[in-house]
Amino acid sequence: MRQERIQVIDLASMVDELAALKAQIAPLQEREQMIKTALKETGLERIDGAEHTAVVILSEREVLDSKRLKADHPVLVQPYLSKTLVESIKLTARRTR
């Protein structure tokens, strides 16, 4: 069933559309980060806009260095490891002649 659907769709155009979407999204993500950084650097906890309010929240996060733990104590870590298959898509630009 899945194969039949895929044959109907123009896969080449989907790949190119995905690349175009990612290209459009990238500048928006950069702008988002720039704005977030600027808001954080004000030192204010609350900033009111005309339609929205931004609240800067400070929190503490703990991170486990799993690479170091695996390197230092591989036997200890083994019972707690689980493996799953992950599908991802890597886009690369094709050379044009």
PDB file of N, CA and C in Angstrom:
ATOM      1  N   MET A   1       0.834  -1.200   0.000  1.00  0.00           N
ATOM      2  CA  MET A   1       0.000   0.000   0.000  1.00  0.00           C
ATOM      3  C   MET A   1       0.873   1.256   0.000  1.00  0.00           C
ATOM      4  N   ARG A   2       1.886   1.299   0.844  1.00  0.00           N
ATOM      5  CA  ARG A   2       2.754   2.464   0.932  1.00  0.00           C
ATOM      6  C   ARG A   2       3.494   2.679  -0.384  1.00  0.00           C
ATOM      7  N   GLN A   3       3.988   1.612  -0.989  1.00  0.00           N
ATOM      8  CA  GLN A   3       4.709   1.711  -2.251  1.00  0.00           C
ATOM      9  C   GLN A   3       3.811   2.271  -3.348  1.00  0.00           C
ATOM     10  N   GLU A   4       2.563   1.865  -3.378  1.00  0.00           N
ATOM     11  CA  GLU A   4       1.645   2.344  -4.406  1.00  0.00           C
ATOM     12  C   GLU A   4       1.462   3.854  -4.310  1.00  0.00           C
ATOM     13  N   ARG A   5       1.326   4.370  -3.099  1.00  0.00           N
ATOM     14  CA  ARG A   5       1.165   5.808  -2.914  1.00  0.00           C
ATOM     15  C   ARG A   5       2.402   6.567  -3.361  1.00  0.00           C
ATOM     16  N   ILE A   6       3.558   6.061  -3.006  1.00  0.00           N
ATOM     17  CA  ILE A   6       4.806   6.734  -3.341  1.00  0.00           C
ATOM     18  C   ILE A   6       4.989   6.811  -4.849  1.00  0.00           C
ATOM     19  N   GLN A   7       4.582   5.803  -5.581  1.00  0.00           N
ATOM     20  CA  GLN A   7       4.732   5.804  -7.023  1.00  0.00           C
ATOM     21  C   GLN A   7       3.888   6.881  -7.677  1.00  0.00           C
ATOM     22  N   VAL A   8       2.800   7.252  -7.059  1.00  0.00           N
ATOM     23  CA  VAL A   8       1.908   8.258  -7.616  1.00  0.00           C
ATOM     24  C   VAL A   8       2.488   9.666  -7.442  1.00  0.00           C
ATOM     25  N   ILE A   9       3.227   9.869  -6.388  1.00  0.00           N
ATOM     26  CA  ILE A   9       3.751  11.191  -6.042  1.00  0.00           C
ATOM     27  C   ILE A   9       5.051  11.448  -6.789  1.00  0.00           C
ATOM     28  N   ASP A  10       5.263  12.689  -7.197  1.00  0.00           N
ATOM     29  CA  ASP A  10       6.508  13.073  -7.843  1.00  0.00           C
ATOM     30  C   ASP A  10       7.565  13.303  -6.769  1.00  0.00           C
ATOM     31  N   LEU A  11       8.365  12.280  -6.505  1.00  0.00           N
ATOM     32  CA  LEU A  11       9.333  12.336  -5.417  1.00  0.00           C
ATOM     33  C   LEU A  11      10.406  13.396  -5.642  1.00  0.00           C
ATOM     34  N   ALA A  12      10.831  13.578  -6.866  1.00  0.00           N
ATOM     35  CA  ALA A  12      11.875  14.569  -7.150  1.00  0.00           C
ATOM     36  C   ALA A  12      11.409  15.964  -6.763  1.00  0.00           C
ATOM     37  N   SER A  13      10.179  16.290  -7.082  1.00  0.00           N
ATOM     38  CA  SER A  13       9.684  17.627  -6.734  1.00  0.00           C
ATOM     39  C   SER A  13       9.506  17.771  -5.231  1.00  0.00           C
ATOM     40  N   MET A  14       9.194  16.671  -4.542  1.00  0.00           N
ATOM     41  CA  MET A  14       9.067  16.726  -3.087  1.00  0.00           C
ATOM     42  C   MET A  14      10.416  17.009  -2.437  1.00  0.00           C
ATOM     43  N   VAL A  15      11.475  16.405  -2.952  1.00  0.00           N
ATOM     44  CA  VAL A  15      12.819  16.638  -2.417  1.00  0.00           C
ATOM     45  C   VAL A  15      13.188  18.105  -2.595  1.00  0.00           C
ATOM     46  N   ASP A  16      12.940  18.632  -3.791  1.00  0.00           N
ATOM     47  CA  ASP A  16      13.269  20.033  -4.051  1.00  0.00           C
ATOM     48  C   ASP A  16      12.410  20.978  -3.217  1.00  0.00           C
ATOM     49  N   GLU A  17      11.150  20.621  -3.006  1.00  0.00           N
ATOM     50  CA  GLU A  17      10.274  21.451  -2.174  1.00  0.00           C
ATOM     51  C   GLU A  17      10.758  21.446  -0.724  1.00  0.00           C
ATOM     52  N   LEU A  18      11.180  20.289  -0.226  1.00  0.00           N
ATOM     53  CA  LEU A  18      11.696  20.193   1.134  1.00  0.00           C
ATOM     54  C   LEU A  18      12.918  21.092   1.299  1.00  0.00           C
ATOM     55  N   ALA A  19      13.816  21.048   0.317  1.00  0.00           N
ATOM     56  CA  ALA A  19      15.008  21.897   0.377  1.00  0.00           C
ATOM     57  C   ALA A  19      14.628  23.372   0.357  1.00  0.00           C
ATOM     58  N   ALA A  20      13.645  23.736  -0.466  1.00  0.00           N
ATOM     59  CA  ALA A  20      13.207  25.130  -0.543  1.00  0.00           C
ATOM     60  C   ALA A  20      12.590  25.581   0.782  1.00  0.00           C
ATOM     61  N   LEU A  21      11.798  24.716   1.397  1.00  0.00           N
ATOM     62  CA  LEU A  21      11.193  25.046   2.692  1.00  0.00           C
ATOM     63  C   LEU A  21      12.259  25.254   3.755  1.00  0.00           C
ATOM     64  N   LYS A  22      13.245  24.360   3.798  1.00  0.00           N
ATOM     65  CA  LYS A  22      14.322  24.498   4.779  1.00  0.00           C
ATOM     66  C   LYS A  22      15.093  25.796   4.554  1.00  0.00           C
ATOM     67  N   ALA A  23      15.277  26.168   3.292  1.00  0.00           N
ATOM     68  CA  ALA A  23      15.975  27.416   2.973  1.00  0.00           C
ATOM     69  C   ALA A  23      15.174  28.631   3.429  1.00  0.00           C
ATOM     70  N   GLN A  24      13.855  28.557   3.346  1.00  0.00           N
ATOM     71  CA  GLN A  24      13.000  29.658   3.795  1.00  0.00           C
ATOM     72  C   GLN A  24      12.955  29.737   5.317  1.00  0.00           C
ATOM     73  N   ILE A  25      12.988  28.602   5.974  1.00  0.00           N
ATOM     74  CA  ILE A  25      12.889  28.546   7.432  1.00  0.00           C
ATOM     75  C   ILE A  25      14.174  29.034   8.108  1.00  0.00           C
ATOM     76  N   ALA A  26      15.322  28.733   7.529  1.00  0.00           N
ATOM     77  CA  ALA A  26      16.618  29.053   8.154  1.00  0.00           C
ATOM     78  C   ALA A  26      16.751  30.523   8.548  1.00  0.00           C
ATOM     79  N   PRO A  27      16.453  31.500   7.651  1.00  0.00           N
ATOM     80  CA  PRO A  27      16.580  32.903   8.064  1.00  0.00           C
ATOM     81  C   PRO A  27      15.601  33.284   9.171  1.00  0.00           C
ATOM     82  N   LEU A  28      14.441  32.661   9.183  1.00  0.00           N
ATOM     83  CA  LEU A  28      13.471  32.934  10.246  1.00  0.00           C
ATOM     84  C   LEU A  28      13.993  32.438  11.594  1.00  0.00           C
ATOM     85  N   GLN A  29      14.630  31.276  11.594  1.00  0.00           N
ATOM     86  CA  GLN A  29      15.206  30.750  12.832  1.00  0.00           C
ATOM     87  C   GLN A  29      16.357  31.631  13.312  1.00  0.00           C
ATOM     88  N   GLU A  30      17.157  32.130  12.385  1.00  0.00           N
ATOM     89  CA  GLU A  30      18.242  33.040  12.766  1.00  0.00           C
ATOM     90  C   GLU A  30      17.677  34.323  13.383  1.00  0.00           C
ATOM     91  N   ARG A  31      16.632  34.857  12.768  1.00  0.00           N
ATOM     92  CA  ARG A  31      15.997  36.077  13.277  1.00  0.00           C
ATOM     93  C   ARG A  31      15.398  35.819  14.655  1.00  0.00           C
ATOM     94  N   GLU A  32      14.767  34.652  14.831  1.00  0.00           N
ATOM     95  CA  GLU A  32      14.194  34.282  16.124  1.00  0.00           C
ATOM     96  C   GLU A  32      15.268  34.282  17.202  1.00  0.00           C
ATOM     97  N   GLN A  33      16.411  33.667  16.923  1.00  0.00           N
ATOM     98  CA  GLN A  33      17.494  33.619  17.903  1.00  0.00           C
ATOM     99  C   GLN A  33      18.018  35.003  18.220  1.00  0.00           C
ATOM    100  N   MET A  34      18.134  35.855  17.208  1.00  0.00           N
ATOM    101  CA  MET A  34      18.628  37.213  17.426  1.00  0.00           C
ATOM    102  C   MET A  34      17.685  37.989  18.349  1.00  0.00           C
ATOM    103  N   ILE A  35      16.388  37.869  18.106  1.00  0.00           N
ATOM    104  CA  ILE A  35      15.399  38.568  18.926  1.00  0.00           C
ATOM    105  C   ILE A  35      15.413  38.034  20.358  1.00  0.00           C
ATOM    106  N   LYS A  36      15.455  36.713  20.520  1.00  0.00           N
ATOM    107  CA  LYS A  36      15.494  36.125  21.859  1.00  0.00           C
ATOM    108  C   LYS A  36      16.720  36.610  22.635  1.00  0.00           C
ATOM    109  N   THR A  37      17.863  36.627  21.969  1.00  0.00           N
ATOM    110  CA  THR A  37      19.092  37.095  22.610  1.00  0.00           C
ATOM    111  C   THR A  37      18.952  38.548  23.046  1.00  0.00           C
ATOM    112  N   ALA A  38      18.408  39.388  22.167  1.00  0.00           N
ATOM    113  CA  ALA A  38      18.238  40.806  22.488  1.00  0.00           C
ATOM    114  C   ALA A  38      17.306  40.986  23.680  1.00  0.00           C
ATOM    115  N   LEU A  39      16.216  40.221  23.728  1.00  0.00           N
ATOM    116  CA  LEU A  39      15.281  40.331  24.852  1.00  0.00           C
ATOM    117  C   LEU A  39      15.933  39.880  26.157  1.00  0.00           C
ATOM    118  N   LYS A  40      16.692  38.800  26.108  1.00  0.00           N
ATOM    119  CA  LYS A  40      17.370  38.312  27.312  1.00  0.00           C
ATOM    120  C   LYS A  40      18.399  39.319  27.817  1.00  0.00           C
ATOM    121  N   GLU A  41      19.103  39.963  26.888  1.00  0.00           N
ATOM    122  CA  GLU A  41      20.163  40.897  27.265  1.00  0.00           C
ATOM    123  C   GLU A  41      19.637  42.196  27.884  1.00  0.00           C
ATOM    124  N   THR A  42      18.329  42.443  27.808  1.00  0.00           N
ATOM    125  CA  THR A  42      17.781  43.643  28.449  1.00  0.00           C
ATOM    126  C   THR A  42      17.859  43.549  29.960  1.00  0.00           C
ATOM    127  N   GLY A  43      17.883  42.320  30.489  1.00  0.00           N
ATOM    128  CA  GLY A  43      17.881  42.143  31.935  1.00  0.00           C
ATOM    129  C   GLY A  43      16.482  42.218  32.534  1.00  0.00           C
ATOM    130  N   LEU A  44      15.498  42.482  31.703  1.00  0.00           N
ATOM    131  CA  LEU A  44      14.121  42.556  32.182  1.00  0.00           C
ATOM    132  C   LEU A  44      13.523  41.161  32.276  1.00  0.00           C
ATOM    133  N   GLU A  45      12.606  40.987  33.235  1.00  0.00           N
ATOM    134  CA  GLU A  45      11.934  39.700  33.371  1.00  0.00           C
ATOM    135  C   GLU A  45      10.667  39.638  32.528  1.00  0.00           C
ATOM    136  N   ARG A  46      10.069  40.801  32.271  1.00  0.00           N
ATOM    137  CA  ARG A  46       8.820  40.856  31.519  1.00  0.00           C
ATOM    138  C   ARG A  46       8.898  42.009  30.529  1.00  0.00           C
ATOM    139  N   ILE A  47       8.528  41.730  29.299  1.00  0.00           N
ATOM    140  CA  ILE A  47       8.527  42.758  28.265  1.00  0.00           C
ATOM    141  C   ILE A  47       7.186  42.680  27.542  1.00  0.00           C
ATOM    142  N   ASP A  48       6.446  43.790  27.585  1.00  0.00           N
ATOM    143  CA  ASP A  48       5.127  43.826  26.954  1.00  0.00           C
ATOM    144  C   ASP A  48       5.221  44.394  25.551  1.00  0.00           C
ATOM    145  N   GLY A  49       4.636  43.667  24.610  1.00  0.00           N
ATOM    146  CA  GLY A  49       4.465  44.166  23.262  1.00  0.00           C
ATOM    147  C   GLY A  49       3.036  44.656  23.117  1.00  0.00           C
ATOM    148  N   ALA A  50       2.657  45.087  21.929  1.00  0.00           N
ATOM    149  CA  ALA A  50       1.295  45.559  21.691  1.00  0.00           C
ATOM    150  C   ALA A  50       0.296  44.404  21.789  1.00  0.00           C
ATOM    151  N   GLU A  51       0.713  43.205  21.373  1.00  0.00           N
ATOM    152  CA  GLU A  51      -0.212  42.074  21.335  1.00  0.00           C
ATOM    153  C   GLU A  51       0.234  40.871  22.168  1.00  0.00           C
ATOM    154  N   HIS A  52       1.494  40.860  22.594  1.00  0.00           N
ATOM    155  CA  HIS A  52       2.016  39.712  23.331  1.00  0.00           C
ATOM    156  C   HIS A  52       2.931  40.188  24.453  1.00  0.00           C
ATOM    157  N   THR A  53       3.157  39.282  25.398  1.00  0.00           N
ATOM    158  CA  THR A  53       4.078  39.547  26.493  1.00  0.00           C
ATOM    159  C   THR A  53       5.147  38.469  26.483  1.00  0.00           C
ATOM    160  N   ALA A  54       6.385  38.883  26.627  1.00  0.00           N
ATOM    161  CA  ALA A  54       7.499  37.940  26.737  1.00  0.00           C
ATOM    162  C   ALA A  54       7.966  37.923  28.180  1.00  0.00           C
ATOM    163  N   VAL A  55       8.145  36.737  28.717  1.00  0.00           N
ATOM    164  CA  VAL A  55       8.642  36.579  30.072  1.00  0.00           C
ATOM    165  C   VAL A  55       9.958  35.809  29.988  1.00  0.00           C
ATOM    166  N   VAL A  56      11.018  36.398  30.510  1.00  0.00           N
ATOM    167  CA  VAL A  56      12.321  35.752  30.527  1.00  0.00           C
ATOM    168  C   VAL A  56      12.395  34.910  31.786  1.00  0.00           C
ATOM    169  N   ILE A  57      12.607  33.625  31.616  1.00  0.00           N
ATOM    170  CA  ILE A  57      12.591  32.688  32.736  1.00  0.00           C
ATOM    171  C   ILE A  57      13.992  32.116  32.928  1.00  0.00           C
ATOM    172  N   LEU A  58      14.501  32.222  34.129  1.00  0.00           N
ATOM    173  CA  LEU A  58      15.797  31.647  34.466  1.00  0.00           C
ATOM    174  C   LEU A  58      15.556  30.337  35.188  1.00  0.00           C
ATOM    175  N   SER A  59      16.161  29.280  34.691  1.00  0.00           N
ATOM    176  CA  SER A  59      16.014  27.979  35.336  1.00  0.00           C
ATOM    177  C   SER A  59      17.353  27.263  35.317  1.00  0.00           C
ATOM    178  N   GLU A  60      17.456  26.255  36.141  1.00  0.00           N
ATOM    179  CA  GLU A  60      18.685  25.475  36.216  1.00  0.00           C
ATOM    180  C   GLU A  60      18.435  24.127  35.556  1.00  0.00           C
ATOM    181  N   ARG A  61      19.404  23.683  34.785  1.00  0.00           N
ATOM    182  CA  ARG A  61      19.262  22.422  34.066  1.00  0.00           C
ATOM    183  C   ARG A  61      20.448  21.530  34.395  1.00  0.00           C
ATOM    184  N   GLU A  62      20.156  20.277  34.664  1.00  0.00           N
ATOM    185  CA  GLU A  62      21.216  19.298  34.870  1.00  0.00           C
ATOM    186  C   GLU A  62      21.344  18.463  33.609  1.00  0.00           C
ATOM    187  N   VAL A  63      22.584  18.200  33.214  1.00  0.00           N
ATOM    188  CA  VAL A  63      22.833  17.398  32.029  1.00  0.00           C
ATOM    189  C   VAL A  63      23.791  16.276  32.399  1.00  0.00           C
ATOM    190  N   LEU A  64      23.446  15.078  32.013  1.00  0.00           N
ATOM    191  CA  LEU A  64      24.299  13.923  32.261  1.00  0.00           C
ATOM    192  C   LEU A  64      25.256  13.769  31.081  1.00  0.00           C
ATOM    193  N   ASP A  65      26.530  13.721  31.353  1.00  0.00           N
ATOM    194  CA  ASP A  65      27.538  13.531  30.313  1.00  0.00           C
ATOM    195  C   ASP A  65      27.604  12.037  29.995  1.00  0.00           C
ATOM    196  N   SER A  66      26.725  11.603  29.120  1.00  0.00           N
ATOM    197  CA  SER A  66      26.615  10.169  28.843  1.00  0.00           C
ATOM    198  C   SER A  66      27.844   9.618  28.123  1.00  0.00           C
ATOM    199  N   LYS A  67      28.485  10.421  27.300  1.00  0.00           N
ATOM    200  CA  LYS A  67      29.704   9.945  26.626  1.00  0.00           C
ATOM    201  C   LYS A  67      30.798   9.626  27.643  1.00  0.00           C
ATOM    202  N   ARG A  68      30.963  10.512  28.601  1.00  0.00           N
ATOM    203  CA  ARG A  68      31.989  10.301  29.631  1.00  0.00           C
ATOM    204  C   ARG A  68      31.624   9.107  30.513  1.00  0.00           C
ATOM    205  N   LEU A  69      30.339   9.006  30.866  1.00  0.00           N
ATOM    206  CA  LEU A  69      29.894   7.890  31.700  1.00  0.00           C
ATOM    207  C   LEU A  69      30.124   6.566  30.976  1.00  0.00           C
ATOM    208  N   LYS A  70      29.789   6.513  29.689  1.00  0.00           N
ATOM    209  CA  LYS A  70      30.014   5.287  28.906  1.00  0.00           C
ATOM    210  C   LYS A  70      31.494   4.953  28.817  1.00  0.00           C
ATOM    211  N   ALA A  71      32.327   5.987  28.662  1.00  0.00           N
ATOM    212  CA  ALA A  71      33.773   5.760  28.565  1.00  0.00           C
ATOM    213  C   ALA A  71      34.355   5.293  29.895  1.00  0.00           C
ATOM    214  N   ASP A  72      33.918   5.885  30.993  1.00  0.00           N
ATOM    215  CA  ASP A  72      34.471   5.565  32.310  1.00  0.00           C
ATOM    216  C   ASP A  72      33.901   4.276  32.907  1.00  0.00           C
ATOM    217  N   HIS A  73      32.622   3.990  32.633  1.00  0.00           N
ATOM    218  CA  HIS A  73      31.950   2.839  33.262  1.00  0.00           C
ATOM    219  C   HIS A  73      31.037   2.118  32.257  1.00  0.00           C
ATOM    220  N   PRO A  74      31.595   1.543  31.198  1.00  0.00           N
ATOM    221  CA  PRO A  74      30.756   0.915  30.171  1.00  0.00           C
ATOM    222  C   PRO A  74      29.896  -0.238  30.701  1.00  0.00           C
ATOM    223  N   VAL A  75      30.420  -1.009  31.637  1.00  0.00           N
ATOM    224  CA  VAL A  75      29.663  -2.137  32.179  1.00  0.00           C
ATOM    225  C   VAL A  75      28.482  -1.641  33.006  1.00  0.00           C
ATOM    226  N   LEU A  76      28.681  -0.582  33.753  1.00  0.00           N
ATOM    227  CA  LEU A  76      27.626  -0.012  34.591  1.00  0.00           C
ATOM    228  C   LEU A  76      26.477   0.529  33.737  1.00  0.00           C
ATOM    229  N   VAL A  77      26.805   1.107  32.614  1.00  0.00           N
ATOM    230  CA  VAL A  77      25.814   1.758  31.756  1.00  0.00           C
ATOM    231  C   VAL A  77      25.015   0.755  30.927  1.00  0.00           C
ATOM    232  N   GLN A  78      25.623  -0.341  30.553  1.00  0.00           N
ATOM    233  CA  GLN A  78      25.030  -1.293  29.617  1.00  0.00           C
ATOM    234  C   GLN A  78      23.578  -1.691  29.914  1.00  0.00           C
ATOM    235  N   PRO A  79      23.217  -2.020  31.143  1.00  0.00           N
ATOM    236  CA  PRO A  79      21.825  -2.432  31.406  1.00  0.00           C
ATOM    237  C   PRO A  79      20.804  -1.318  31.156  1.00  0.00           C
ATOM    238  N   TYR A  80      21.254  -0.083  31.106  1.00  0.00           N
ATOM    239  CA  TYR A  80      20.345   1.047  30.965  1.00  0.00           C
ATOM    240  C   TYR A  80      20.264   1.578  29.527  1.00  0.00           C
ATOM    241  N   LEU A  81      20.995   0.961  28.631  1.00  0.00           N
ATOM    242  CA  LEU A  81      20.983   1.406  27.245  1.00  0.00           C
ATOM    243  C   LEU A  81      19.871   0.707  26.473  1.00  0.00           C
ATOM    244  N   SER A  82      19.251   1.444  25.599  1.00  0.00           N
ATOM    245  CA  SER A  82      18.279   0.853  24.693  1.00  0.00           C
ATOM    246  C   SER A  82      18.543   1.408  23.300  1.00  0.00           C
ATOM    247  N   LYS A  83      18.259   0.624  22.296  1.00  0.00           N
ATOM    248  CA  LYS A  83      18.498   1.037  20.921  1.00  0.00           C
ATOM    249  C   LYS A  83      17.177   1.098  20.170  1.00  0.00           C
ATOM    250  N   THR A  84      17.038   2.119  19.359  1.00  0.00           N
ATOM    251  CA  THR A  84      15.877   2.250  18.492  1.00  0.00           C
ATOM    252  C   THR A  84      16.354   2.664  17.108  1.00  0.00           C
ATOM    253  N   LEU A  85      15.605   2.293  16.110  1.00  0.00           N
ATOM    254  CA  LEU A  85      15.912   2.720  14.753  1.00  0.00           C
ATOM    255  C   LEU A  85      15.332   4.113  14.536  1.00  0.00           C
ATOM    256  N   VAL A  86      16.114   4.962  13.917  1.00  0.00           N
ATOM    257  CA  VAL A  86      15.695   6.333  13.663  1.00  0.00           C
ATOM    258  C   VAL A  86      15.845   6.607  12.174  1.00  0.00           C
ATOM    259  N   GLU A  87      14.790   7.105  11.559  1.00  0.00           N
ATOM    260  CA  GLU A  87      14.863   7.503  10.162  1.00  0.00           C
ATOM    261  C   GLU A  87      15.061   9.009  10.084  1.00  0.00           C
ATOM    262  N   SER A  88      15.963   9.435   9.238  1.00  0.00           N
ATOM    263  CA  SER A  88      16.170  10.855   9.043  1.00  0.00           C
ATOM    264  C   SER A  88      16.420  11.102   7.562  1.00  0.00           C
ATOM    265  N   ILE A  89      16.353  12.348   7.180  1.00  0.00           N
ATOM    266  CA  ILE A  89      16.583  12.725   5.784  1.00  0.00           C
ATOM    267  C   ILE A  89      17.693  13.744   5.748  1.00  0.00           C
ATOM    268  N   LYS A  90      18.694  13.482   4.932  1.00  0.00           N
ATOM    269  CA  LYS A  90      19.793  14.411   4.734  1.00  0.00           C
ATOM    270  C   LYS A  90      19.657  14.989   3.332  1.00  0.00           C
ATOM    271  N   LEU A  91      19.634  16.293   3.250  1.00  0.00           N
ATOM    272  CA  LEU A  91      19.537  16.963   1.957  1.00  0.00           C
ATOM    273  C   LEU A  91      20.904  17.513   1.566  1.00  0.00           C
ATOM    274  N   THR A  92      21.296  17.279   0.344  1.00  0.00           N
ATOM    275  CA  THR A  92      22.520  17.888  -0.194  1.00  0.00           C
ATOM    276  C   THR A  92      22.200  18.440  -1.571  1.00  0.00           C
ATOM    277  N   ALA A  93      22.796  19.555  -1.881  1.00  0.00           N
ATOM    278  CA  ALA A  93      22.582  20.170  -3.194  1.00  0.00           C
ATOM    279  C   ALA A  93      23.298  19.344  -4.256  1.00  0.00           C
ATOM    280  N   ARG A  94      22.637  19.143  -5.391  1.00  0.00           N
ATOM    281  CA  ARG A  94      23.248  18.416  -6.497  1.00  0.00           C
ATOM    282  C   ARG A  94      24.015  19.386  -7.364  1.00  0.00           C
ATOM    283  N   ARG A  95      25.112  18.936  -7.887  1.00  0.00           N
ATOM    284  CA  ARG A  95      25.903  19.766  -8.794  1.00  0.00           C
ATOM    285  C   ARG A  95      25.174  19.868 -10.127  1.00  0.00           C
ATOM    286  N   THR A  96      25.081  21.070 -10.611  1.00  0.00           N
ATOM    287  CA  THR A  96      24.464  21.269 -11.918  1.00  0.00           C
ATOM    288  C   THR A  96      25.545  21.586 -12.933  1.00  0.00           C
ATOM    289  N   ARG A  97      25.329  21.143 -14.142  1.00  0.00           N
ATOM    290  CA  ARG A  97      26.349  21.339 -15.177  1.00  0.00           C
ATOM    291  C   ARG A  97      26.084  22.556 -15.991  1.00  0.00           C
TER     292      ARG A  97
END
